[in-house]
């Protein structure tokens, strides 16, 4: 017999997930979708720069609802991390897949980005966007567009790297008894400390950009105004910082 909606609302998310796995009741699934819809909206807002121009937020939310429904069916609490982490990774991956299907990213994107990075190294840190673009025979507007795309993809890659490590830790611990939970908390805290160490290893300007962008939630233009440099220069510093953080985290993980 289908559970009444009023009774469902008294249950925690974890209790509902457990009930759904046991009963498969559609009402439970619908209640869970409504509770986790905020994750889709949050990630859709955070990743707006990735799909703007090729997709609408409504499209992302609609696809996100489908991702949650499929995720509820595939979620295994004994194998996967917390459902919030599990579904967040699936939604980010879903958005990237949609972007790729809509041909937002050039086929030779990574080759062009590598050319840009090699040119920046060859010309030195003081090289302007115009100098680098001329060096590789590229229009400066196209160069800056590719640079923005590279920053976005680097941020997503770092985000997924950390999520992958969280899930890896969960998989290692899933076969142990409940006494292993303190160890899981320790490992998660260790990951946070490692990221803090990675940030502290950056140059002073890189630390400032990371802090203003992620902690203060300023945009590139606002940061450029505070630091007294061009917006493309802030984008360069940000991109460099993200690469260093990825390298630092990868070396230890």
C-alpha atoms as a PDB file:
ATOM      1  CA  UNK A   1       0.000   0.000   0.000  1.00  0.00           C
ATOM      2  CA  UNK A   2       1.329   3.419  -0.981  1.00  0.00           C
ATOM      3  CA  UNK A   3       2.557   5.536   1.899  1.00  0.00           C
ATOM      4  CA  UNK A   4       0.665   8.757   2.522  1.00  0.00           C
ATOM      5  CA  UNK A   5       2.436  11.996   1.561  1.00  0.00           C
ATOM      6  CA  UNK A   6       2.110  13.365   5.102  1.00  0.00           C
ATOM      7  CA  UNK A   7       4.003  10.385   6.527  1.00  0.00           C
ATOM      8  CA  UNK A   8       6.747  10.721   3.929  1.00  0.00           C
ATOM      9  CA  UNK A   9       7.435  14.322   4.893  1.00  0.00           C
ATOM     10  CA  UNK A  10       8.230  13.219   8.449  1.00  0.00           C
ATOM     11  CA  UNK A  11      11.022  10.944   7.222  1.00  0.00           C
ATOM     12  CA  UNK A  12      14.655  11.952   6.773  1.00  0.00           C
ATOM     13  CA  UNK A  13      16.250  11.700   3.316  1.00  0.00           C
ATOM     14  CA  UNK A  14      18.238   8.652   4.403  1.00  0.00           C
ATOM     15  CA  UNK A  15      15.098   6.951   5.712  1.00  0.00           C
ATOM     16  CA  UNK A  16      13.292   7.640   2.444  1.00  0.00           C
ATOM     17  CA  UNK A  17      16.158   6.237   0.383  1.00  0.00           C
ATOM     18  CA  UNK A  18      16.092   3.094   2.488  1.00  0.00           C
ATOM     19  CA  UNK A  19      12.299   2.802   2.193  1.00  0.00           C
ATOM     20  CA  UNK A  20      12.423   3.262  -1.574  1.00  0.00           C
ATOM     21  CA  UNK A  21      15.044   0.556  -2.011  1.00  0.00           C
ATOM     22  CA  UNK A  22      12.823  -1.817  -0.056  1.00  0.00           C
ATOM     23  CA  UNK A  23       9.448  -0.909  -1.575  1.00  0.00           C
ATOM     24  CA  UNK A  24      10.073   0.874  -4.873  1.00  0.00           C
ATOM     25  CA  UNK A  25       7.053   3.102  -4.197  1.00  0.00           C
ATOM     26  CA  UNK A  26       6.699   5.918  -6.766  1.00  0.00           C
ATOM     27  CA  UNK A  27       5.473   8.349  -4.107  1.00  0.00           C
ATOM     28  CA  UNK A  28       8.729   7.948  -2.187  1.00  0.00           C
ATOM     29  CA  UNK A  29      10.754   8.534  -5.346  1.00  0.00           C
ATOM     30  CA  UNK A  30       8.798  11.693  -6.145  1.00  0.00           C
ATOM     31  CA  UNK A  31       9.350  13.026  -2.632  1.00  0.00           C
ATOM     32  CA  UNK A  32      13.097  12.367  -2.920  1.00  0.00           C
ATOM     33  CA  UNK A  33      13.278  14.131  -6.294  1.00  0.00           C
ATOM     34  CA  UNK A  34      11.638  17.229  -4.808  1.00  0.00           C
ATOM     35  CA  UNK A  35      14.023  17.196  -1.839  1.00  0.00           C
ATOM     36  CA  UNK A  36      17.146  16.925  -3.998  1.00  0.00           C
ATOM     37  CA  UNK A  37      16.031  19.345  -6.711  1.00  0.00           C
ATOM     38  CA  UNK A  38      17.981  22.121  -4.975  1.00  0.00           C
ATOM     39  CA  UNK A  39      21.223  20.338  -5.913  1.00  0.00           C
ATOM     40  CA  UNK A  40      20.359  20.569  -9.614  1.00  0.00           C
ATOM     41  CA  UNK A  41      19.502  24.260  -9.326  1.00  0.00           C
ATOM     42  CA  UNK A  42      22.668  25.012  -7.355  1.00  0.00           C
ATOM     43  CA  UNK A  43      24.988  23.216  -9.787  1.00  0.00           C
ATOM     44  CA  UNK A  44      23.150  24.684 -12.790  1.00  0.00           C
ATOM     45  CA  UNK A  45      23.827  28.172 -11.395  1.00  0.00           C
ATOM     46  CA  UNK A  46      27.472  27.399 -10.585  1.00  0.00           C
ATOM     47  CA  UNK A  47      28.123  25.984 -14.058  1.00  0.00           C
ATOM     48  CA  UNK A  48      26.160  28.603 -16.024  1.00  0.00           C
ATOM     49  CA  UNK A  49      29.377  29.775 -17.671  1.00  0.00           C
ATOM     50  CA  UNK A  50      29.895  26.296 -19.103  1.00  0.00           C
ATOM     51  CA  UNK A  51      26.631  26.010 -21.017  1.00  0.00           C
ATOM     52  CA  UNK A  52      25.605  29.665 -21.553  1.00  0.00           C
ATOM     53  CA  UNK A  53      25.048  30.271 -25.247  1.00  0.00           C
ATOM     54  CA  UNK A  54      24.252  26.660 -26.067  1.00  0.00           C
ATOM     55  CA  UNK A  55      21.708  25.592 -23.424  1.00  0.00           C
ATOM     56  CA  UNK A  56      19.112  27.190 -21.166  1.00  0.00           C
ATOM     57  CA  UNK A  57      19.019  26.671 -17.410  1.00  0.00           C
ATOM     58  CA  UNK A  58      15.546  25.165 -17.791  1.00  0.00           C
ATOM     59  CA  UNK A  59      17.073  22.485 -20.036  1.00  0.00           C
ATOM     60  CA  UNK A  60      19.683  21.704 -17.396  1.00  0.00           C
ATOM     61  CA  UNK A  61      17.093  21.485 -14.611  1.00  0.00           C
ATOM     62  CA  UNK A  62      14.840  19.208 -16.667  1.00  0.00           C
ATOM     63  CA  UNK A  63      17.748  16.879 -17.440  1.00  0.00           C
ATOM     64  CA  UNK A  64      18.836  17.117 -13.808  1.00  0.00           C
ATOM     65  CA  UNK A  65      15.463  15.838 -12.611  1.00  0.00           C
ATOM     66  CA  UNK A  66      15.880  12.820 -14.877  1.00  0.00           C
ATOM     67  CA  UNK A  67      19.441  12.344 -13.524  1.00  0.00           C
ATOM     68  CA  UNK A  68      18.103  12.349  -9.940  1.00  0.00           C
ATOM     69  CA  UNK A  69      15.415   9.779 -10.806  1.00  0.00           C
ATOM     70  CA  UNK A  70      17.976   7.474 -12.421  1.00  0.00           C
ATOM     71  CA  UNK A  71      20.415   8.119  -9.581  1.00  0.00           C
ATOM     72  CA  UNK A  72      17.881   7.072  -6.946  1.00  0.00           C
ATOM     73  CA  UNK A  73      17.480   3.740  -8.720  1.00  0.00           C
ATOM     74  CA  UNK A  74      21.219   3.174  -9.081  1.00  0.00           C
ATOM     75  CA  UNK A  75      22.385   4.454  -5.695  1.00  0.00           C
ATOM     76  CA  UNK A  76      23.922   1.840  -3.410  1.00  0.00           C
ATOM     77  CA  UNK A  77      24.633   3.120   0.131  1.00  0.00           C
ATOM     78  CA  UNK A  78      27.008   0.198   0.728  1.00  0.00           C
ATOM     79  CA  UNK A  79      29.135   1.102  -2.279  1.00  0.00           C
ATOM     80  CA  UNK A  80      28.639   4.803  -3.014  1.00  0.00           C
ATOM     81  CA  UNK A  81      29.348   7.933  -1.024  1.00  0.00           C
ATOM     82  CA  UNK A  82      26.596  10.092   0.501  1.00  0.00           C
ATOM     83  CA  UNK A  83      23.726  10.460  -1.953  1.00  0.00           C
ATOM     84  CA  UNK A  84      24.298  14.228  -2.169  1.00  0.00           C
ATOM     85  CA  UNK A  85      27.893  13.650  -3.309  1.00  0.00           C
ATOM     86  CA  UNK A  86      26.885  10.767  -5.568  1.00  0.00           C
ATOM     87  CA  UNK A  87      24.178  12.733  -7.386  1.00  0.00           C
ATOM     88  CA  UNK A  88      26.228  15.950  -7.562  1.00  0.00           C
ATOM     89  CA  UNK A  89      28.929  14.134  -9.531  1.00  0.00           C
ATOM     90  CA  UNK A  90      26.324  12.663 -11.883  1.00  0.00           C
ATOM     91  CA  UNK A  91      24.726  16.062 -12.486  1.00  0.00           C
ATOM     92  CA  UNK A  92      28.068  17.738 -13.233  1.00  0.00           C
ATOM     93  CA  UNK A  93      28.926  14.935 -15.622  1.00  0.00           C
ATOM     94  CA  UNK A  94      25.490  15.231 -17.228  1.00  0.00           C
ATOM     95  CA  UNK A  95      25.997  18.952 -17.871  1.00  0.00           C
ATOM     96  CA  UNK A  96      29.418  18.390 -19.435  1.00  0.00           C
ATOM     97  CA  UNK A  97      27.972  15.638 -21.660  1.00  0.00           C
ATOM     98  CA  UNK A  98      25.171  17.960 -22.798  1.00  0.00           C
ATOM     99  CA  UNK A  99      27.687  20.696 -23.578  1.00  0.00           C
ATOM    100  CA  UNK A 100      29.812  18.317 -25.637  1.00  0.00           C
ATOM    101  CA  UNK A 101      26.767  17.045 -27.539  1.00  0.00           C
ATOM    102  CA  UNK A 102      25.912  20.649 -28.426  1.00  0.00           C
ATOM    103  CA  UNK A 103      29.402  21.155 -29.916  1.00  0.00           C
ATOM    104  CA  UNK A 104      30.292  23.939 -27.473  1.00  0.00           C
ATOM    105  CA  UNK A 105      33.899  22.782 -27.294  1.00  0.00           C
ATOM    106  CA  UNK A 106      36.072  22.797 -30.463  1.00  0.00           C
ATOM    107  CA  UNK A 107      37.336  19.372 -31.502  1.00  0.00           C
ATOM    108  CA  UNK A 108      40.959  20.525 -31.286  1.00  0.00           C
ATOM    109  CA  UNK A 109      40.335  22.438 -28.047  1.00  0.00           C
ATOM    110  CA  UNK A 110      43.002  20.696 -25.951  1.00  0.00           C
ATOM    111  CA  UNK A 111      45.587  20.979 -28.725  1.00  0.00           C
ATOM    112  CA  UNK A 112      44.958  24.712 -28.989  1.00  0.00           C
ATOM    113  CA  UNK A 113      45.135  25.166 -25.199  1.00  0.00           C
ATOM    114  CA  UNK A 114      48.462  23.312 -25.141  1.00  0.00           C
ATOM    115  CA  UNK A 115      49.765  25.665 -27.856  1.00  0.00           C
ATOM    116  CA  UNK A 116      48.650  28.647 -25.771  1.00  0.00           C
ATOM    117  CA  UNK A 117      50.357  27.321 -22.640  1.00  0.00           C
ATOM    118  CA  UNK A 118      53.585  26.544 -24.523  1.00  0.00           C
ATOM    119  CA  UNK A 119      53.598  30.044 -25.996  1.00  0.00           C
ATOM    120  CA  UNK A 120      53.033  31.615 -22.571  1.00  0.00           C
ATOM    121  CA  UNK A 121      56.005  29.695 -21.181  1.00  0.00           C
ATOM    122  CA  UNK A 122      58.186  30.601 -24.157  1.00  0.00           C
ATOM    123  CA  UNK A 123      57.343  34.320 -24.020  1.00  0.00           C
ATOM    124  CA  UNK A 124      57.388  34.653 -20.224  1.00  0.00           C
ATOM    125  CA  UNK A 125      54.844  35.782 -17.635  1.00  0.00           C
ATOM    126  CA  UNK A 126      54.910  39.401 -18.812  1.00  0.00           C
ATOM    127  CA  UNK A 127      53.612  38.487 -22.272  1.00  0.00           C
ATOM    128  CA  UNK A 128      50.262  40.065 -23.137  1.00  0.00           C
ATOM    129  CA  UNK A 129      47.318  38.247 -24.666  1.00  0.00           C
ATOM    130  CA  UNK A 130      48.019  39.976 -27.965  1.00  0.00           C
ATOM    131  CA  UNK A 131      51.659  38.818 -27.946  1.00  0.00           C
ATOM    132  CA  UNK A 132      50.733  35.200 -27.220  1.00  0.00           C
ATOM    133  CA  UNK A 133      47.941  35.194 -29.803  1.00  0.00           C
ATOM    134  CA  UNK A 134      50.299  36.596 -32.446  1.00  0.00           C
ATOM    135  CA  UNK A 135      52.968  34.057 -31.518  1.00  0.00           C
ATOM    136  CA  UNK A 136      50.646  31.138 -32.295  1.00  0.00           C
ATOM    137  CA  UNK A 137      48.907  32.847 -35.224  1.00  0.00           C
ATOM    138  CA  UNK A 138      45.518  33.199 -33.524  1.00  0.00           C
ATOM    139  CA  UNK A 139      43.039  36.052 -33.364  1.00  0.00           C
ATOM    140  CA  UNK A 140      43.210  37.648 -29.918  1.00  0.00           C
ATOM    141  CA  UNK A 141      39.418  37.386 -29.417  1.00  0.00           C
ATOM    142  CA  UNK A 142      39.530  33.665 -30.145  1.00  0.00           C
ATOM    143  CA  UNK A 143      42.519  33.332 -27.817  1.00  0.00           C
ATOM    144  CA  UNK A 144      40.635  34.944 -24.947  1.00  0.00           C
ATOM    145  CA  UNK A 145      37.551  32.804 -25.583  1.00  0.00           C
ATOM    146  CA  UNK A 146      39.653  29.621 -25.471  1.00  0.00           C
ATOM    147  CA  UNK A 147      41.360  30.917 -22.341  1.00  0.00           C
ATOM    148  CA  UNK A 148      38.013  31.359 -20.568  1.00  0.00           C
ATOM    149  CA  UNK A 149      36.933  27.893 -21.648  1.00  0.00           C
ATOM    150  CA  UNK A 150      40.202  26.459 -20.328  1.00  0.00           C
ATOM    151  CA  UNK A 151      39.664  28.092 -16.934  1.00  0.00           C
ATOM    152  CA  UNK A 152      36.160  26.619 -16.702  1.00  0.00           C
ATOM    153  CA  UNK A 153      37.330  23.115 -17.611  1.00  0.00           C
ATOM    154  CA  UNK A 154      40.240  23.318 -15.151  1.00  0.00           C
ATOM    155  CA  UNK A 155      37.870  24.252 -12.344  1.00  0.00           C
ATOM    156  CA  UNK A 156      35.561  21.359 -13.225  1.00  0.00           C
ATOM    157  CA  UNK A 157      38.486  18.944 -13.415  1.00  0.00           C
ATOM    158  CA  UNK A 158      39.733  19.964  -9.976  1.00  0.00           C
ATOM    159  CA  UNK A 159      36.220  19.675  -8.571  1.00  0.00           C
ATOM    160  CA  UNK A 160      35.801  16.167  -9.970  1.00  0.00           C
ATOM    161  CA  UNK A 161      39.270  15.137  -8.839  1.00  0.00           C
ATOM    162  CA  UNK A 162      38.320  15.896  -5.241  1.00  0.00           C
ATOM    163  CA  UNK A 163      34.921  14.185  -5.644  1.00  0.00           C
ATOM    164  CA  UNK A 164      36.618  11.095  -7.111  1.00  0.00           C
ATOM    165  CA  UNK A 165      38.897  10.910  -4.092  1.00  0.00           C
ATOM    166  CA  UNK A 166      35.921  11.179  -1.731  1.00  0.00           C
ATOM    167  CA  UNK A 167      34.206   8.300  -3.535  1.00  0.00           C
ATOM    168  CA  UNK A 168      37.430   6.248  -3.558  1.00  0.00           C
ATOM    169  CA  UNK A 169      37.682   6.646   0.211  1.00  0.00           C
ATOM    170  CA  UNK A 170      34.043   5.602   0.572  1.00  0.00           C
ATOM    171  CA  UNK A 171      34.622   2.477  -1.521  1.00  0.00           C
ATOM    172  CA  UNK A 172      37.606   1.514   0.632  1.00  0.00           C
ATOM    173  CA  UNK A 173      35.581   1.891   3.802  1.00  0.00           C
ATOM    174  CA  UNK A 174      32.270   0.400   2.635  1.00  0.00           C
ATOM    175  CA  UNK A 175      33.272  -3.182   3.369  1.00  0.00           C
ATOM    176  CA  UNK A 176      34.245  -2.433   6.961  1.00  0.00           C
ATOM    177  CA  UNK A 177      32.042  -2.219  10.029  1.00  0.00           C
ATOM    178  CA  UNK A 178      30.568   0.959  11.502  1.00  0.00           C
ATOM    179  CA  UNK A 179      33.641   1.413  13.686  1.00  0.00           C
ATOM    180  CA  UNK A 180      35.455   2.561  10.521  1.00  0.00           C
ATOM    181  CA  UNK A 181      33.371   5.766  10.318  1.00  0.00           C
ATOM    182  CA  UNK A 182      35.843   7.796  12.416  1.00  0.00           C
ATOM    183  CA  UNK A 183      38.517   6.753   9.936  1.00  0.00           C
ATOM    184  CA  UNK A 184      36.349   8.056   7.080  1.00  0.00           C
ATOM    185  CA  UNK A 185      35.960  11.389   8.885  1.00  0.00           C
ATOM    186  CA  UNK A 186      39.722  11.500   9.399  1.00  0.00           C
ATOM    187  CA  UNK A 187      40.399  10.861   5.708  1.00  0.00           C
ATOM    188  CA  UNK A 188      37.978  13.575   4.654  1.00  0.00           C
ATOM    189  CA  UNK A 189      39.594  16.014   7.058  1.00  0.00           C
ATOM    190  CA  UNK A 190      42.990  14.986   5.693  1.00  0.00           C
ATOM    191  CA  UNK A 191      41.804  15.830   2.164  1.00  0.00           C
ATOM    192  CA  UNK A 192      40.674  19.265   3.321  1.00  0.00           C
ATOM    193  CA  UNK A 193      44.015  19.874   5.015  1.00  0.00           C
ATOM    194  CA  UNK A 194      45.816  18.760   1.870  1.00  0.00           C
ATOM    195  CA  UNK A 195      43.834  21.223  -0.235  1.00  0.00           C
ATOM    196  CA  UNK A 196      44.625  23.979   2.283  1.00  0.00           C
ATOM    197  CA  UNK A 197      48.332  23.093   2.009  1.00  0.00           C
ATOM    198  CA  UNK A 198      48.055  23.145  -1.775  1.00  0.00           C
ATOM    199  CA  UNK A 199      46.565  26.640  -1.682  1.00  0.00           C
ATOM    200  CA  UNK A 200      49.261  27.852   0.731  1.00  0.00           C
ATOM    201  CA  UNK A 201      51.928  26.619  -1.706  1.00  0.00           C
ATOM    202  CA  UNK A 202      50.696  29.056  -4.368  1.00  0.00           C
ATOM    203  CA  UNK A 203      52.242  32.447  -5.032  1.00  0.00           C
ATOM    204  CA  UNK A 204      50.772  35.378  -3.119  1.00  0.00           C
ATOM    205  CA  UNK A 205      48.837  36.714  -6.132  1.00  0.00           C
ATOM    206  CA  UNK A 206      47.486  33.255  -6.925  1.00  0.00           C
ATOM    207  CA  UNK A 207      46.295  32.777  -3.340  1.00  0.00           C
ATOM    208  CA  UNK A 208      44.575  36.172  -3.465  1.00  0.00           C
ATOM    209  CA  UNK A 209      42.774  35.371  -6.716  1.00  0.00           C
ATOM    210  CA  UNK A 210      41.625  31.970  -5.410  1.00  0.00           C
ATOM    211  CA  UNK A 211      40.398  33.576  -2.177  1.00  0.00           C
ATOM    212  CA  UNK A 212      38.540  36.411  -3.892  1.00  0.00           C
ATOM    213  CA  UNK A 213      36.988  34.105  -6.500  1.00  0.00           C
ATOM    214  CA  UNK A 214      35.938  31.147  -4.342  1.00  0.00           C
ATOM    215  CA  UNK A 215      35.603  32.590  -0.836  1.00  0.00           C
ATOM    216  CA  UNK A 216      34.431  36.140  -1.545  1.00  0.00           C
ATOM    217  CA  UNK A 217      32.667  34.984  -4.759  1.00  0.00           C
ATOM    218  CA  UNK A 218      33.811  37.961  -6.829  1.00  0.00           C
ATOM    219  CA  UNK A 219      33.910  37.732 -10.618  1.00  0.00           C
ATOM    220  CA  UNK A 220      37.049  38.156 -12.721  1.00  0.00           C
ATOM    221  CA  UNK A 221      36.263  41.800 -13.521  1.00  0.00           C
ATOM    222  CA  UNK A 222      35.841  42.731  -9.859  1.00  0.00           C
ATOM    223  CA  UNK A 223      39.084  40.974  -8.932  1.00  0.00           C
ATOM    224  CA  UNK A 224      40.889  42.769 -11.742  1.00  0.00           C
ATOM    225  CA  UNK A 225      39.687  46.100 -10.322  1.00  0.00           C
ATOM    226  CA  UNK A 226      40.891  45.228  -6.828  1.00  0.00           C
ATOM    227  CA  UNK A 227      44.320  44.045  -7.998  1.00  0.00           C
ATOM    228  CA  UNK A 228      44.777  46.787 -10.576  1.00  0.00           C
ATOM    229  CA  UNK A 229      45.453  44.514 -13.540  1.00  0.00           C
ATOM    230  CA  UNK A 230      43.510  43.446 -16.637  1.00  0.00           C
ATOM    231  CA  UNK A 231      40.738  40.857 -16.489  1.00  0.00           C
ATOM    232  CA  UNK A 232      42.625  38.535 -18.912  1.00  0.00           C
ATOM    233  CA  UNK A 233      45.620  38.716 -16.551  1.00  0.00           C
ATOM    234  CA  UNK A 234      43.401  37.616 -13.652  1.00  0.00           C
ATOM    235  CA  UNK A 235      42.179  34.764 -15.836  1.00  0.00           C
ATOM    236  CA  UNK A 236      45.818  33.767 -16.483  1.00  0.00           C
ATOM    237  CA  UNK A 237      46.652  33.809 -12.760  1.00  0.00           C
ATOM    238  CA  UNK A 238      43.524  31.803 -11.955  1.00  0.00           C
ATOM    239  CA  UNK A 239      44.253  29.214 -14.638  1.00  0.00           C
ATOM    240  CA  UNK A 240      47.843  28.850 -13.428  1.00  0.00           C
ATOM    241  CA  UNK A 241      46.693  28.437  -9.816  1.00  0.00           C
ATOM    242  CA  UNK A 242      44.168  25.743 -10.730  1.00  0.00           C
ATOM    243  CA  UNK A 243      46.806  23.780 -12.670  1.00  0.00           C
ATOM    244  CA  UNK A 244      49.150  23.906  -9.681  1.00  0.00           C
ATOM    245  CA  UNK A 245      46.403  22.796  -7.290  1.00  0.00           C
ATOM    246  CA  UNK A 246      45.515  19.862  -9.551  1.00  0.00           C
ATOM    247  CA  UNK A 247      49.170  18.820  -9.777  1.00  0.00           C
ATOM    248  CA  UNK A 248      49.615  19.116  -6.013  1.00  0.00           C
ATOM    249  CA  UNK A 249      46.482  17.126  -5.205  1.00  0.00           C
ATOM    250  CA  UNK A 250      47.179  14.470  -7.848  1.00  0.00           C
ATOM    251  CA  UNK A 251      50.695  13.883  -6.516  1.00  0.00           C
ATOM    252  CA  UNK A 252      49.342  13.008  -3.056  1.00  0.00           C
ATOM    253  CA  UNK A 253      46.103  11.271  -4.058  1.00  0.00           C
END
